[in-house]
Amino acid sequence: MKTTLKNIAIATSLCSALVLSPVSFAGSDSNHNHHKSGDRSYQKMSEKKFAKLTRKLDLSETQQADIKALKSEAKVQMQALKPAMEAFRQQVKTLMSAETFDEQAFSQLHASNQDVFAAMALVKVKSKFAMKSVLTEEQLEKFSAMKHKRSSR
């Protein structure tokens, strides 16, 4: 009898928690700016990745400085493209909020932003290529193996 009451109490508590938890989160992000903390966590993740890369490839101080300079240069170039991408996202959001989806309008919007997409891709590729030119042959082989291992997951 005690076990049955205990099981009912536990089941009731769990059901209440499951039912009420979405309600408690419903208005939690009303006026908060999550981008600031997200940028910090991304930066920490990036620093962790760079530290791991340094350790795994045994990068010299010069190589580390060169790679950091390349990354910051690429970041500056990407920041220049950020307003155009933000405008594109806002326009897509406007299209998505319409009652019916206008495929032609989206295609035109996407086509009109091809120069921005191409510029971003070019910055990324140039940055990766420049980083590879800093590495030695042995480091390049290790880097390729790391990349292959990561992609096979």
C-alpha atoms as a PDB file:
ATOM      1  CA  MET A   1       0.000   0.000   0.000  1.00  0.00           C
ATOM      2  CA  LYS A   2       2.801   2.406   0.941  1.00  0.00           C
ATOM      3  CA  THR A   3       4.619   1.600  -2.279  1.00  0.00           C
ATOM      4  CA  THR A   4       1.539   2.288  -4.375  1.00  0.00           C
ATOM      5  CA  LEU A   5       0.970   5.693  -2.762  1.00  0.00           C
ATOM      6  CA  LYS A   6       4.645   6.484  -3.172  1.00  0.00           C
ATOM      7  CA  ASN A   7       4.544   5.542  -6.868  1.00  0.00           C
ATOM      8  CA  ILE A   8       1.404   7.637  -7.419  1.00  0.00           C
ATOM      9  CA  ALA A   9       3.009  10.618  -5.675  1.00  0.00           C
ATOM     10  CA  ILE A  10       6.157  10.304  -7.800  1.00  0.00           C
ATOM     11  CA  ALA A  11       4.163   9.937 -11.031  1.00  0.00           C
ATOM     12  CA  THR A  12       2.011  12.949 -10.132  1.00  0.00           C
ATOM     13  CA  SER A  13       5.071  15.050  -9.345  1.00  0.00           C
ATOM     14  CA  LEU A  14       6.749  14.125 -12.616  1.00  0.00           C
ATOM     15  CA  CYS A  15       3.608  14.845 -14.633  1.00  0.00           C
ATOM     16  CA  SER A  16       3.223  18.216 -12.933  1.00  0.00           C
ATOM     17  CA  ALA A  17       6.830  19.092 -13.641  1.00  0.00           C
ATOM     18  CA  LEU A  18       6.500  18.089 -17.295  1.00  0.00           C
ATOM     19  CA  VAL A  19       3.245  19.982 -17.760  1.00  0.00           C
ATOM     20  CA  LEU A  20       4.337  23.157 -15.977  1.00  0.00           C
ATOM     21  CA  SER A  21       7.940  23.426 -17.214  1.00  0.00           C
ATOM     22  CA  PRO A  22       7.043  24.799 -20.698  1.00  0.00           C
ATOM     23  CA  VAL A  23       4.863  27.413 -19.033  1.00  0.00           C
ATOM     24  CA  SER A  24       7.731  28.616 -16.887  1.00  0.00           C
ATOM     25  CA  PHE A  25       9.975  29.013 -19.940  1.00  0.00           C
ATOM     26  CA  ALA A  26       7.354  30.638 -22.149  1.00  0.00           C
ATOM     27  CA  GLY A  27       8.208  34.248 -21.377  1.00  0.00           C
ATOM     28  CA  SER A  28      11.772  33.841 -20.249  1.00  0.00           C
ATOM     29  CA  ASP A  29      13.495  35.371 -23.303  1.00  0.00           C
ATOM     30  CA  SER A  30      11.325  38.438 -23.750  1.00  0.00           C
ATOM     31  CA  ASN A  31      13.852  41.286 -23.545  1.00  0.00           C
ATOM     32  CA  HIS A  32      17.161  39.524 -23.122  1.00  0.00           C
ATOM     33  CA  ASN A  33      20.022  39.922 -25.541  1.00  0.00           C
ATOM     34  CA  HIS A  34      21.454  36.435 -26.020  1.00  0.00           C
ATOM     35  CA  HIS A  35      23.945  37.494 -28.686  1.00  0.00           C
ATOM     36  CA  LYS A  36      26.392  38.980 -26.196  1.00  0.00           C
ATOM     37  CA  SER A  37      26.740  35.804 -24.121  1.00  0.00           C
ATOM     38  CA  GLY A  38      26.688  33.704 -27.283  1.00  0.00           C
ATOM     39  CA  ASP A  39      29.617  35.681 -28.662  1.00  0.00           C
ATOM     40  CA  ARG A  40      31.568  35.035 -25.469  1.00  0.00           C
ATOM     41  CA  SER A  41      30.865  31.305 -25.507  1.00  0.00           C
ATOM     42  CA  TYR A  42      31.806  31.172 -29.194  1.00  0.00           C
ATOM     43  CA  GLN A  43      35.017  33.019 -28.398  1.00  0.00           C
ATOM     44  CA  LYS A  44      35.833  30.552 -25.609  1.00  0.00           C
ATOM     45  CA  MET A  45      35.097  27.648 -27.941  1.00  0.00           C
ATOM     46  CA  SER A  46      37.305  29.209 -30.586  1.00  0.00           C
ATOM     47  CA  GLU A  47      40.094  29.705 -28.043  1.00  0.00           C
ATOM     48  CA  LYS A  48      39.738  26.073 -26.980  1.00  0.00           C
ATOM     49  CA  LYS A  49      39.920  24.927 -30.597  1.00  0.00           C
ATOM     50  CA  PHE A  50      42.991  27.083 -31.192  1.00  0.00           C
ATOM     51  CA  ALA A  51      44.669  25.721 -28.056  1.00  0.00           C
ATOM     52  CA  LYS A  52      43.919  22.165 -29.194  1.00  0.00           C
ATOM     53  CA  LEU A  53      45.244  22.914 -32.675  1.00  0.00           C
ATOM     54  CA  THR A  54      48.391  24.423 -31.166  1.00  0.00           C
ATOM     55  CA  ARG A  55      48.924  21.397 -28.968  1.00  0.00           C
ATOM     56  CA  LYS A  56      48.134  18.733 -31.584  1.00  0.00           C
ATOM     57  CA  LEU A  57      50.178  20.344 -34.376  1.00  0.00           C
ATOM     58  CA  ASP A  58      52.909  21.632 -32.055  1.00  0.00           C
ATOM     59  CA  LEU A  59      52.690  25.142 -33.494  1.00  0.00           C
ATOM     60  CA  SER A  60      55.589  27.499 -32.889  1.00  0.00           C
ATOM     61  CA  GLU A  61      55.049  30.971 -31.400  1.00  0.00           C
ATOM     62  CA  THR A  62      55.497  32.514 -34.844  1.00  0.00           C
ATOM     63  CA  GLN A  63      52.952  30.178 -36.398  1.00  0.00           C
ATOM     64  CA  GLN A  64      50.474  30.925 -33.600  1.00  0.00           C
ATOM     65  CA  ALA A  65      50.906  34.673 -34.120  1.00  0.00           C
ATOM     66  CA  ASP A  66      50.533  34.300 -37.900  1.00  0.00           C
ATOM     67  CA  ILE A  67      47.365  32.216 -37.584  1.00  0.00           C
ATOM     68  CA  LYS A  68      45.854  34.643 -35.059  1.00  0.00           C
ATOM     69  CA  ALA A  69      46.617  37.541 -37.398  1.00  0.00           C
ATOM     70  CA  LEU A  70      45.004  35.686 -40.310  1.00  0.00           C
ATOM     71  CA  LYS A  71      41.927  34.906 -38.228  1.00  0.00           C
ATOM     72  CA  SER A  72      41.541  38.501 -37.062  1.00  0.00           C
ATOM     73  CA  GLU A  73      41.944  39.770 -40.640  1.00  0.00           C
ATOM     74  CA  ALA A  74      39.258  37.349 -41.827  1.00  0.00           C
ATOM     75  CA  LYS A  75      37.036  38.448 -38.953  1.00  0.00           C
ATOM     76  CA  VAL A  76      37.368  42.092 -40.005  1.00  0.00           C
ATOM     77  CA  GLN A  77      36.472  41.190 -43.581  1.00  0.00           C
ATOM     78  CA  MET A  78      33.453  39.172 -42.392  1.00  0.00           C
ATOM     79  CA  GLN A  79      32.323  42.041 -40.162  1.00  0.00           C
ATOM     80  CA  ALA A  80      32.229  44.251 -43.262  1.00  0.00           C
ATOM     81  CA  LEU A  81      29.784  41.777 -44.843  1.00  0.00           C
ATOM     82  CA  LYS A  82      27.689  41.360 -41.712  1.00  0.00           C
ATOM     83  CA  PRO A  83      25.220  44.244 -42.391  1.00  0.00           C
ATOM     84  CA  ALA A  84      24.405  42.837 -45.829  1.00  0.00           C
ATOM     85  CA  MET A  85      23.797  39.382 -44.368  1.00  0.00           C
ATOM     86  CA  GLU A  86      21.661  40.831 -41.601  1.00  0.00           C
ATOM     87  CA  ALA A  87      19.568  42.684 -44.193  1.00  0.00           C
ATOM     88  CA  PHE A  88      19.170  39.438 -46.159  1.00  0.00           C
ATOM     89  CA  ARG A  89      18.050  37.562 -43.039  1.00  0.00           C
ATOM     90  CA  GLN A  90      15.572  40.301 -42.199  1.00  0.00           C
ATOM     91  CA  GLN A  91      14.109  40.182 -45.699  1.00  0.00           C
ATOM     92  CA  VAL A  92      13.812  36.389 -45.490  1.00  0.00           C
ATOM     93  CA  LYS A  93      12.090  36.782 -42.132  1.00  0.00           C
ATOM     94  CA  THR A  94       9.618  39.195 -43.740  1.00  0.00           C
ATOM     95  CA  LEU A  95       8.942  36.704 -46.534  1.00  0.00           C
ATOM     96  CA  MET A  96       8.447  33.920 -44.011  1.00  0.00           C
ATOM     97  CA  SER A  97       5.932  35.935 -42.005  1.00  0.00           C
ATOM     98  CA  ALA A  98       3.619  36.313 -45.011  1.00  0.00           C
ATOM     99  CA  GLU A  99       0.488  34.180 -45.189  1.00  0.00           C
ATOM    100  CA  THR A 100       1.657  32.439 -48.355  1.00  0.00           C
ATOM    101  CA  PHE A 101       5.201  31.683 -49.442  1.00  0.00           C
ATOM    102  CA  ASP A 102       6.324  33.636 -52.494  1.00  0.00           C
ATOM    103  CA  GLU A 103       8.903  31.375 -54.092  1.00  0.00           C
ATOM    104  CA  GLN A 104       9.731  33.854 -56.836  1.00  0.00           C
ATOM    105  CA  ALA A 105      10.374  36.669 -54.346  1.00  0.00           C
ATOM    106  CA  PHE A 106      12.714  34.420 -52.369  1.00  0.00           C
ATOM    107  CA  SER A 107      14.555  33.359 -55.523  1.00  0.00           C
ATOM    108  CA  GLN A 108      15.008  36.998 -56.528  1.00  0.00           C
ATOM    109  CA  LEU A 109      16.184  37.924 -53.039  1.00  0.00           C
ATOM    110  CA  HIS A 110      18.635  35.036 -53.004  1.00  0.00           C
ATOM    111  CA  ALA A 111      19.922  35.903 -56.480  1.00  0.00           C
ATOM    112  CA  SER A 112      20.386  39.564 -55.563  1.00  0.00           C
ATOM    113  CA  ASN A 113      22.587  38.564 -52.618  1.00  0.00           C
ATOM    114  CA  GLN A 114      24.857  36.188 -54.515  1.00  0.00           C
ATOM    115  CA  ASP A 115      27.699  38.715 -54.449  1.00  0.00           C
ATOM    116  CA  VAL A 116      27.562  38.789 -50.634  1.00  0.00           C
ATOM    117  CA  PHE A 117      27.484  34.971 -50.403  1.00  0.00           C
ATOM    118  CA  ALA A 118      30.404  34.710 -52.834  1.00  0.00           C
ATOM    119  CA  ALA A 119      32.407  37.316 -50.899  1.00  0.00           C
ATOM    120  CA  MET A 120      31.864  35.434 -47.632  1.00  0.00           C
ATOM    121  CA  ALA A 121      32.885  32.141 -49.203  1.00  0.00           C
ATOM    122  CA  LEU A 122      35.970  33.780 -50.681  1.00  0.00           C
ATOM    123  CA  VAL A 123      37.015  35.202 -47.300  1.00  0.00           C
ATOM    124  CA  LYS A 124      36.620  31.770 -45.677  1.00  0.00           C
ATOM    125  CA  VAL A 125      38.555  29.928 -48.380  1.00  0.00           C
ATOM    126  CA  LYS A 126      41.354  32.498 -48.520  1.00  0.00           C
ATOM    127  CA  SER A 127      41.678  32.365 -44.742  1.00  0.00           C
ATOM    128  CA  LYS A 128      41.894  28.555 -44.709  1.00  0.00           C
ATOM    129  CA  PHE A 129      44.405  28.544 -47.549  1.00  0.00           C
ATOM    130  CA  ALA A 130      46.551  31.178 -45.839  1.00  0.00           C
ATOM    131  CA  MET A 131      46.468  29.181 -42.608  1.00  0.00           C
ATOM    132  CA  LYS A 132      47.624  26.069 -44.442  1.00  0.00           C
ATOM    133  CA  SER A 133      50.528  28.029 -45.942  1.00  0.00           C
ATOM    134  CA  VAL A 134      51.766  28.754 -42.396  1.00  0.00           C
ATOM    135  CA  LEU A 135      51.982  25.041 -41.553  1.00  0.00           C
ATOM    136  CA  THR A 136      54.871  22.716 -42.346  1.00  0.00           C
ATOM    137  CA  GLU A 137      54.374  19.569 -44.455  1.00  0.00           C
ATOM    138  CA  GLU A 138      54.258  17.378 -41.341  1.00  0.00           C
ATOM    139  CA  GLN A 139      51.744  19.680 -39.672  1.00  0.00           C
ATOM    140  CA  LEU A 140      49.626  19.713 -42.837  1.00  0.00           C
ATOM    141  CA  GLU A 141      49.510  15.917 -42.798  1.00  0.00           C
ATOM    142  CA  LYS A 142      48.471  15.911 -39.132  1.00  0.00           C
ATOM    143  CA  PHE A 143      45.884  18.610 -39.828  1.00  0.00           C
ATOM    144  CA  SER A 144      44.424  16.626 -42.733  1.00  0.00           C
ATOM    145  CA  ALA A 145      44.256  13.514 -40.561  1.00  0.00           C
ATOM    146  CA  MET A 146      42.481  15.475 -37.811  1.00  0.00           C
ATOM    147  CA  LYS A 147      40.037  16.914 -40.335  1.00  0.00           C
ATOM    148  CA  HIS A 148      39.389  13.475 -41.854  1.00  0.00           C
ATOM    149  CA  LYS A 149      38.829  11.957 -38.403  1.00  0.00           C
ATOM    150  CA  ARG A 150      36.387  14.746 -37.505  1.00  0.00           C
ATOM    151  CA  SER A 151      34.439  14.398 -40.772  1.00  0.00           C
ATOM    152  CA  SER A 152      34.096  10.630 -40.392  1.00  0.00           C
ATOM    153  CA  ARG A 153      32.213  10.949 -37.092  1.00  0.00           C
END
